Protein backbone atom coordinates (compact mmCIF):
# COMPACT_ATOMS: atom_id res chain seq x y z
CA MET A 1 -2.49 19.74 -3.72
CA ASN A 2 0.81 18.30 -4.86
CA ASP A 3 1.46 15.17 -6.90
CA GLU A 4 2.57 13.18 -3.86
CA SER A 5 -0.77 13.87 -2.19
CA LEU A 6 -2.57 12.42 -5.20
CA LEU A 7 -0.28 9.41 -5.29
CA GLU A 8 -0.90 8.84 -1.60
CA ILE A 9 -4.67 9.02 -2.09
CA VAL A 10 -4.51 6.37 -4.82
CA ILE A 11 -2.43 4.07 -2.64
CA GLU A 12 -4.69 4.56 0.38
CA VAL A 13 -7.84 3.84 -1.65
CA VAL A 14 -6.37 0.64 -3.08
CA TRP A 15 -5.08 -0.40 0.37
CA PHE A 16 -8.53 0.20 1.85
CA PHE A 17 -10.24 -2.08 -0.67
CA GLU A 18 -7.51 -4.72 -0.41
CA SER A 19 -7.34 -4.80 3.38
CA CYS A 20 -10.87 -4.21 4.67
CA ASP A 21 -12.62 -6.98 6.54
CA PRO A 22 -14.45 -9.56 4.44
CA GLY A 23 -18.08 -8.58 4.18
CA ALA A 24 -17.44 -4.92 4.99
CA ILE A 25 -17.77 -4.00 1.33
CA ASP A 26 -19.52 -5.88 -1.43
CA ASP A 27 -16.83 -7.87 -3.25
CA ASP A 28 -18.12 -6.93 -6.70
CA SER A 29 -18.09 -3.24 -5.80
CA ALA A 30 -14.54 -3.45 -4.45
CA VAL A 31 -13.29 -5.24 -7.55
CA ARG A 32 -15.02 -2.72 -9.80
CA MET A 33 -13.41 0.22 -7.99
CA LEU A 34 -9.96 -1.39 -8.16
CA GLU A 35 -10.47 -1.99 -11.89
CA ILE A 36 -11.35 1.68 -12.37
CA VAL A 37 -8.23 2.82 -10.49
CA ALA A 38 -6.05 0.42 -12.51
CA PHE A 39 -7.63 1.56 -15.79
CA HIS A 40 -6.88 5.21 -15.12
CA LEU A 41 -3.34 4.52 -13.97
CA ARG A 42 -2.61 2.34 -17.01
CA ASN A 43 -3.85 5.14 -19.27
CA ALA A 44 -1.75 7.82 -17.59
CA SER A 45 1.33 9.14 -19.32
CA LEU A 46 4.55 7.16 -19.11
CA THR A 47 5.98 9.89 -16.87
CA SER A 48 3.02 9.65 -14.49
CA ARG A 49 3.22 5.85 -14.38
CA ARG A 50 6.94 6.06 -13.60
CA GLU A 51 6.23 8.58 -10.83
CA PHE A 52 3.63 6.24 -9.32
CA ILE A 53 5.98 3.24 -9.50
CA ALA A 54 8.80 5.24 -7.88
CA TYR A 55 6.51 6.58 -5.16
CA ALA A 56 5.21 3.09 -4.33
CA ALA A 57 8.82 1.86 -4.12
CA ARG A 58 9.75 4.70 -1.74
CA ARG A 59 6.73 3.93 0.40
CA ALA A 60 7.62 0.21 0.42
CA ALA A 61 11.14 1.01 1.60
CA ASN A 62 9.69 2.94 4.55
CA ALA A 63 6.78 0.61 5.34
CA LYS A 64 6.03 -0.05 8.99
CA THR A 65 4.99 -3.67 8.54
CA GLU A 66 5.97 -6.53 6.26
CA ARG A 67 2.38 -6.75 5.01
CA GLU A 68 2.43 -3.09 3.99
CA ARG A 69 5.87 -3.45 2.40
CA ALA A 70 4.78 -6.46 0.36
CA PHE A 71 1.59 -4.71 -0.73
CA LEU A 72 3.43 -1.58 -1.85
CA ALA A 73 6.20 -3.50 -3.60
CA ALA A 74 3.66 -5.54 -5.59
CA LEU A 75 1.19 -2.72 -6.24
CA PRO A 76 2.44 -1.38 -9.59
CA GLU A 77 2.51 -4.83 -11.14
CA ALA A 78 -0.85 -5.75 -9.59
CA LEU A 79 -2.36 -2.67 -11.23
CA GLY A 80 -0.90 -3.62 -14.59
CA LEU A 81 1.55 -0.76 -14.84
CA SER A 82 4.37 -1.19 -17.29
CA GLU A 83 6.42 1.02 -19.50
CA ARG A 84 4.79 1.07 -22.91
């Protein structure tokens, strides 16, 4: 598995929790999972965080819908990623 596959999995998991129908998943469980994803990404190396941010930007540039583009463009900041 390559790095882009892993990046794609992370994005798809977050998108799933953010976009599923209300009531489909317990809200507390969804929030907890998103917090876990964000925690691990924030604790990744600076290089890995930069790769994730760049990948999300590339995906946003090629998004099929405005909703998807907006989600992808905002994702790194929403997950608390910054260069530390």
